Amino acid sequence: NISNFHFKGKTEWTDFHLKFKKTSLENSSIQPQDRYNLLFTHNIFDFNAGDFYPQFNNLVLHGTRVRGFGFDLQTNFFQMNLIKGELNRAIQGNLYNSLLLDYSTDNILTISRSNYTFEDEITALRLGLGNKRKINFGLNLVKVKDNIQSVNKYITGSIINLNVITKKYNSDLYIDYDNNNQYDNNDQW
């Protein structure tokens, strides 16, 4: 199920667009599927808030979704693009397989965490000089940083499969010595 809402408005000094997309695919275990955007446009600047797809050039930010805000200033001989937001939201992992245990032949127990994603924070600036249709010199500065504090150390309610540790303690090996699949007087602890 997908629901879309799009509203356009015009004033004397700016136009604006408001867009919402709500989907039944939204899930906290994956990256966001819902989208929202508020765009103000003027003859020399644009302001985006929400989900938008900035384009600096083919090598830097070429249509990647950003959730945050963006400011674009465009004059005849000067351009400035400023972006602040996140590329990915934090994913804590699945309750049923977020922690993996591995017991090696050297009697070493390895515990590892998987199925998580750090929040990726982005800050970007593009400065351009010159006419965009003729000669344009640009400086692109982009910083993307993993926010390691966005993933919790502990997942409340998670289920840890201990089969790796307990498989050698199968109760049949210690109780049923005569292999009759029943507990009787011949079987001991």
C-alpha atoms as a PDB file:
ATOM      1  CA  ASN A   1       0.000   0.000   0.000  1.00  0.00           C
ATOM      2  CA  ILE A   2       1.394   3.397  -1.006  1.00  0.00           C
ATOM      3  CA  SER A   3      -0.258   6.748  -0.311  1.00  0.00           C
ATOM      4  CA  ASN A   4       0.993   9.954  -1.932  1.00  0.00           C
ATOM      5  CA  PHE A   5       0.210  13.577  -1.148  1.00  0.00           C
ATOM      6  CA  HIS A   6       1.475  16.474  -3.269  1.00  0.00           C
ATOM      7  CA  PHE A   7       0.610  20.127  -2.669  1.00  0.00           C
ATOM      8  CA  LYS A   8       1.900  23.095  -4.690  1.00  0.00           C
ATOM      9  CA  GLY A   9       1.590  26.732  -3.729  1.00  0.00           C
ATOM     10  CA  LYS A  10       2.690  30.086  -5.101  1.00  0.00           C
ATOM     11  CA  THR A  11       3.272  33.370  -3.341  1.00  0.00           C
ATOM     12  CA  GLU A  12       4.639  36.687  -4.552  1.00  0.00           C
ATOM     13  CA  TRP A  13       8.228  35.885  -3.621  1.00  0.00           C
ATOM     14  CA  THR A  14       8.470  32.064  -3.603  1.00  0.00           C
ATOM     15  CA  ASP A  15       6.841  28.838  -4.765  1.00  0.00           C
ATOM     16  CA  PHE A  16       6.618  25.802  -2.531  1.00  0.00           C
ATOM     17  CA  HIS A  17       5.978  22.101  -2.924  1.00  0.00           C
ATOM     18  CA  LEU A  18       4.968  19.717  -0.136  1.00  0.00           C
ATOM     19  CA  LYS A  19       5.233  15.971  -0.809  1.00  0.00           C
ATOM     20  CA  PHE A  20       4.504  12.947   1.391  1.00  0.00           C
ATOM     21  CA  LYS A  21       4.769   9.281   0.510  1.00  0.00           C
ATOM     22  CA  LYS A  22       3.596   6.725   3.085  1.00  0.00           C
ATOM     23  CA  THR A  23       4.091   3.047   2.360  1.00  0.00           C
ATOM     24  CA  SER A  24       3.266  -0.172   4.155  1.00  0.00           C
ATOM     25  CA  LEU A  25       6.863  -1.314   3.530  1.00  0.00           C
ATOM     26  CA  GLU A  26       8.191   1.004   6.271  1.00  0.00           C
ATOM     27  CA  ASN A  27      10.056  -1.121   8.825  1.00  0.00           C
ATOM     28  CA  SER A  28      12.585  -0.186  11.513  1.00  0.00           C
ATOM     29  CA  SER A  29      14.824  -3.124  10.452  1.00  0.00           C
ATOM     30  CA  ILE A  30      15.569  -1.626   7.022  1.00  0.00           C
ATOM     31  CA  GLN A  31      16.317   1.807   5.590  1.00  0.00           C
ATOM     32  CA  PRO A  32      13.310   4.157   5.370  1.00  0.00           C
ATOM     33  CA  GLN A  33      10.772   3.672   2.602  1.00  0.00           C
ATOM     34  CA  ASP A  34       8.539   6.642   3.522  1.00  0.00           C
ATOM     35  CA  ARG A  35       9.435   9.977   1.941  1.00  0.00           C
ATOM     36  CA  TYR A  36       8.607  13.574   2.769  1.00  0.00           C
ATOM     37  CA  ASN A  37       9.852  16.824   1.282  1.00  0.00           C
ATOM     38  CA  LEU A  38       9.223  20.551   1.569  1.00  0.00           C
ATOM     39  CA  LEU A  39      10.764  22.632  -1.219  1.00  0.00           C
ATOM     40  CA  PHE A  40      10.835  26.439  -1.411  1.00  0.00           C
ATOM     41  CA  THR A  41      11.945  27.844  -4.764  1.00  0.00           C
ATOM     42  CA  HIS A  42      12.855  31.415  -5.615  1.00  0.00           C
ATOM     43  CA  ASN A  43      14.477  32.817  -8.725  1.00  0.00           C
ATOM     44  CA  ILE A  44      18.011  32.535  -7.205  1.00  0.00           C
ATOM     45  CA  PHE A  45      17.679  29.973  -4.377  1.00  0.00           C
ATOM     46  CA  ASP A  46      16.045  26.656  -3.456  1.00  0.00           C
ATOM     47  CA  PHE A  47      15.571  25.306   0.049  1.00  0.00           C
ATOM     48  CA  ASN A  48      14.850  21.596   0.617  1.00  0.00           C
ATOM     49  CA  ALA A  49      13.821  19.975   3.903  1.00  0.00           C
ATOM     50  CA  GLY A  50      13.181  16.249   4.304  1.00  0.00           C
ATOM     51  CA  ASP A  51      14.142  13.701   1.641  1.00  0.00           C
ATOM     52  CA  PHE A  52      15.850  15.096  -1.461  1.00  0.00           C
ATOM     53  CA  TYR A  53      18.388  13.983  -4.066  1.00  0.00           C
ATOM     54  CA  PRO A  54      21.264  16.490  -4.468  1.00  0.00           C
ATOM     55  CA  GLN A  55      23.506  16.515  -7.541  1.00  0.00           C
ATOM     56  CA  PHE A  56      26.997  17.977  -7.292  1.00  0.00           C
ATOM     57  CA  ASN A  57      28.664  16.079 -10.141  1.00  0.00           C
ATOM     58  CA  ASN A  58      29.098  12.485 -11.393  1.00  0.00           C
ATOM     59  CA  LEU A  59      31.712  11.667  -8.741  1.00  0.00           C
ATOM     60  CA  VAL A  60      30.261  13.404  -5.678  1.00  0.00           C
ATOM     61  CA  LEU A  61      26.604  13.138  -4.615  1.00  0.00           C
ATOM     62  CA  HIS A  62      25.027  12.145  -7.885  1.00  0.00           C
ATOM     63  CA  GLY A  63      21.383  11.633  -6.881  1.00  0.00           C
ATOM     64  CA  THR A  64      21.893   9.882  -3.524  1.00  0.00           C
ATOM     65  CA  ARG A  65      18.958  10.313  -1.129  1.00  0.00           C
ATOM     66  CA  VAL A  66      19.656  12.621   1.804  1.00  0.00           C
ATOM     67  CA  ARG A  67      17.271  13.175   4.717  1.00  0.00           C
ATOM     68  CA  GLY A  68      17.947  16.614   6.152  1.00  0.00           C
ATOM     69  CA  PHE A  69      18.110  20.030   4.544  1.00  0.00           C
ATOM     70  CA  GLY A  70      19.713  21.559   1.495  1.00  0.00           C
ATOM     71  CA  PHE A  71      20.246  25.130   0.357  1.00  0.00           C
ATOM     72  CA  ASP A  72      21.093  26.006  -3.261  1.00  0.00           C
ATOM     73  CA  LEU A  73      22.059  29.522  -4.317  1.00  0.00           C
ATOM     74  CA  GLN A  74      22.370  30.093  -8.078  1.00  0.00           C
ATOM     75  CA  THR A  75      23.427  33.416  -9.608  1.00  0.00           C
ATOM     76  CA  ASN A  76      24.918  34.095 -13.042  1.00  0.00           C
ATOM     77  CA  PHE A  77      28.529  33.721 -11.878  1.00  0.00           C
ATOM     78  CA  PHE A  78      28.348  32.158  -8.402  1.00  0.00           C
ATOM     79  CA  GLN A  79      26.772  28.948  -7.081  1.00  0.00           C
ATOM     80  CA  MET A  80      26.627  27.546  -3.564  1.00  0.00           C
ATOM     81  CA  ASN A  81      25.101  24.250  -2.449  1.00  0.00           C
ATOM     82  CA  LEU A  82      24.962  23.364   1.261  1.00  0.00           C
ATOM     83  CA  ILE A  83      23.703  20.004   2.560  1.00  0.00           C
ATOM     84  CA  LYS A  84      23.323  18.699   6.107  1.00  0.00           C
ATOM     85  CA  GLY A  85      21.559  15.450   7.003  1.00  0.00           C
ATOM     86  CA  GLU A  86      21.829  11.685   6.997  1.00  0.00           C
ATOM     87  CA  LEU A  87      22.381   9.133   4.241  1.00  0.00           C
ATOM     88  CA  ASN A  88      21.362   6.092   6.292  1.00  0.00           C
ATOM     89  CA  ARG A  89      19.444   5.792   9.520  1.00  0.00           C
ATOM     90  CA  ALA A  90      20.609   3.576  12.364  1.00  0.00           C
ATOM     91  CA  ILE A  91      19.427  -0.041  12.225  1.00  0.00           C
ATOM     92  CA  GLN A  92      19.725  -1.947  15.507  1.00  0.00           C
ATOM     93  CA  GLY A  93      19.464  -5.427  13.990  1.00  0.00           C
ATOM     94  CA  ASN A  94      17.067  -8.320  14.076  1.00  0.00           C
ATOM     95  CA  LEU A  95      16.100  -9.625  17.534  1.00  0.00           C
ATOM     96  CA  TYR A  96      16.559 -13.224  16.358  1.00  0.00           C
ATOM     97  CA  ASN A  97      20.022 -13.071  14.825  1.00  0.00           C
ATOM     98  CA  SER A  98      21.765  -9.890  15.929  1.00  0.00           C
ATOM     99  CA  LEU A  99      24.436 -11.694  17.984  1.00  0.00           C
ATOM    100  CA  LEU A 100      26.466 -14.571  16.533  1.00  0.00           C
ATOM    101  CA  LEU A 101      28.501 -17.060  18.551  1.00  0.00           C
ATOM    102  CA  ASP A 102      31.273 -19.206  17.087  1.00  0.00           C
ATOM    103  CA  TYR A 103      33.188 -21.838  19.034  1.00  0.00           C
ATOM    104  CA  SER A 104      36.401 -22.785  17.248  1.00  0.00           C
ATOM    105  CA  THR A 105      38.410 -26.000  17.494  1.00  0.00           C
ATOM    106  CA  ASP A 106      40.990 -24.083  19.552  1.00  0.00           C
ATOM    107  CA  ASN A 107      38.378 -23.610  22.317  1.00  0.00           C
ATOM    108  CA  ILE A 108      37.984 -19.939  21.489  1.00  0.00           C
ATOM    109  CA  LEU A 109      34.526 -18.429  21.750  1.00  0.00           C
ATOM    110  CA  THR A 110      33.962 -15.575  19.296  1.00  0.00           C
ATOM    111  CA  ILE A 111      30.992 -13.265  19.804  1.00  0.00           C
ATOM    112  CA  SER A 112      30.130 -10.927  16.951  1.00  0.00           C
ATOM    113  CA  ARG A 113      27.336  -8.495  16.272  1.00  0.00           C
ATOM    114  CA  SER A 114      25.762  -8.369  12.818  1.00  0.00           C
ATOM    115  CA  ASN A 115      22.782  -7.030  10.880  1.00  0.00           C
ATOM    116  CA  TYR A 116      23.192  -3.453  12.112  1.00  0.00           C
ATOM    117  CA  THR A 117      23.859  -0.152  10.360  1.00  0.00           C
ATOM    118  CA  PHE A 118      25.367   3.007  11.784  1.00  0.00           C
ATOM    119  CA  GLU A 119      23.680   6.306  11.046  1.00  0.00           C
ATOM    120  CA  ASP A 120      25.653   8.033   8.282  1.00  0.00           C
ATOM    121  CA  GLU A 121      25.780  11.800   8.803  1.00  0.00           C
ATOM    122  CA  ILE A 122      26.627  13.951   5.798  1.00  0.00           C
ATOM    123  CA  THR A 123      27.776  17.535   5.511  1.00  0.00           C
ATOM    124  CA  ALA A 124      28.517  18.851   2.033  1.00  0.00           C
ATOM    125  CA  LEU A 125      29.376  22.167   0.400  1.00  0.00           C
ATOM    126  CA  ARG A 126      29.846  23.016  -3.254  1.00  0.00           C
ATOM    127  CA  LEU A 127      31.112  26.410  -4.359  1.00  0.00           C
ATOM    128  CA  GLY A 128      31.080  27.253  -8.054  1.00  0.00           C
ATOM    129  CA  LEU A 129      32.462  30.252  -9.932  1.00  0.00           C
ATOM    130  CA  GLY A 130      31.676  31.147 -13.500  1.00  0.00           C
ATOM    131  CA  ASN A 131      28.821  30.662 -15.905  1.00  0.00           C
ATOM    132  CA  LYS A 132      27.469  27.081 -15.643  1.00  0.00           C
ATOM    133  CA  ARG A 133      26.828  26.917 -19.405  1.00  0.00           C
ATOM    134  CA  LYS A 134      30.360  27.949 -20.394  1.00  0.00           C
ATOM    135  CA  ILE A 135      33.234  27.653 -17.895  1.00  0.00           C
ATOM    136  CA  ASN A 136      32.601  26.821 -14.270  1.00  0.00           C
ATOM    137  CA  PHE A 137      35.151  26.129 -11.541  1.00  0.00           C
ATOM    138  CA  GLY A 138      33.825  24.175  -8.599  1.00  0.00           C
ATOM    139  CA  LEU A 139      35.053  23.114  -5.187  1.00  0.00           C
ATOM    140  CA  ASN A 140      33.269  20.120  -3.639  1.00  0.00           C
ATOM    141  CA  LEU A 141      33.704  19.354   0.059  1.00  0.00           C
ATOM    142  CA  VAL A 142      31.875  16.316   1.440  1.00  0.00           C
ATOM    143  CA  LYS A 143      32.143  14.719   4.861  1.00  0.00           C
ATOM    144  CA  VAL A 144      30.309  11.464   5.636  1.00  0.00           C
ATOM    145  CA  LYS A 145      30.710  10.082   9.122  1.00  0.00           C
ATOM    146  CA  ASP A 146      29.398   6.941  10.831  1.00  0.00           C
ATOM    147  CA  ASN A 147      27.766   7.828  14.141  1.00  0.00           C
ATOM    148  CA  ILE A 148      28.884   4.802  16.181  1.00  0.00           C
ATOM    149  CA  GLN A 149      26.796   5.952  19.154  1.00  0.00           C
ATOM    150  CA  SER A 150      23.628   5.417  17.062  1.00  0.00           C
ATOM    151  CA  VAL A 151      23.787   1.613  17.481  1.00  0.00           C
ATOM    152  CA  ASN A 152      23.022   0.311  20.965  1.00  0.00           C
ATOM    153  CA  LYS A 153      25.454  -2.087  22.636  1.00  0.00           C
ATOM    154  CA  TYR A 154      22.608  -4.214  23.918  1.00  0.00           C
ATOM    155  CA  ILE A 155      19.359  -5.125  22.180  1.00  0.00           C
ATOM    156  CA  THR A 156      16.600  -5.617  24.731  1.00  0.00           C
ATOM    157  CA  GLY A 157      14.685  -8.832  24.122  1.00  0.00           C
ATOM    158  CA  SER A 158      17.192 -10.316  21.681  1.00  0.00           C
ATOM    159  CA  ILE A 159      17.418 -14.079  21.381  1.00  0.00           C
ATOM    160  CA  ILE A 160      20.889 -15.631  21.362  1.00  0.00           C
ATOM    161  CA  ASN A 161      21.269 -19.102  19.866  1.00  0.00           C
ATOM    162  CA  LEU A 162      23.554 -21.064  22.203  1.00  0.00           C
ATOM    163  CA  ASN A 163      23.704 -24.230  20.065  1.00  0.00           C
ATOM    164  CA  VAL A 164      27.354 -23.517  19.238  1.00  0.00           C
ATOM    165  CA  ILE A 165      28.270 -23.791  22.932  1.00  0.00           C
ATOM    166  CA  THR A 166      25.812 -26.461  24.077  1.00  0.00           C
ATOM    167  CA  LYS A 167      25.866 -28.941  21.170  1.00  0.00           C
ATOM    168  CA  LYS A 168      28.520 -31.080  22.886  1.00  0.00           C
ATOM    169  CA  TYR A 169      26.274 -31.302  25.963  1.00  0.00           C
ATOM    170  CA  ASN A 170      23.462 -33.099  24.165  1.00  0.00           C
ATOM    171  CA  SER A 171      21.475 -34.807  26.964  1.00  0.00           C
ATOM    172  CA  ASP A 172      21.280 -38.115  25.069  1.00  0.00           C
ATOM    173  CA  LEU A 173      25.041 -38.588  25.464  1.00  0.00           C
ATOM    174  CA  TYR A 174      24.860 -38.301  29.263  1.00  0.00           C
ATOM    175  CA  ILE A 175      21.542 -39.972  30.124  1.00  0.00           C
ATOM    176  CA  ASP A 176      20.840 -42.757  27.647  1.00  0.00           C
ATOM    177  CA  TYR A 177      23.906 -45.038  27.951  1.00  0.00           C
ATOM    178  CA  ASP A 178      22.157 -48.123  26.570  1.00  0.00           C
ATOM    179  CA  ASN A 179      20.744 -46.204  23.534  1.00  0.00           C
ATOM    180  CA  ASN A 180      17.173 -47.324  24.048  1.00  0.00           C
ATOM    181  CA  ASN A 181      15.861 -43.741  23.883  1.00  0.00           C
ATOM    182  CA  GLN A 182      14.393 -44.055  27.382  1.00  0.00           C
ATOM    183  CA  TYR A 183      15.630 -43.226  30.858  1.00  0.00           C
ATOM    184  CA  ASP A 184      15.874 -46.396  32.991  1.00  0.00           C
ATOM    185  CA  ASN A 185      17.942 -47.769  35.886  1.00  0.00           C
ATOM    186  CA  ASN A 186      20.950 -48.509  33.687  1.00  0.00           C
ATOM    187  CA  ASP A 187      21.287 -44.822  32.813  1.00  0.00           C
ATOM    188  CA  GLN A 188      23.202 -42.558  35.171  1.00  0.00           C
ATOM    189  CA  TRP A 189      24.277 -38.924  35.282  1.00  0.00           C
END
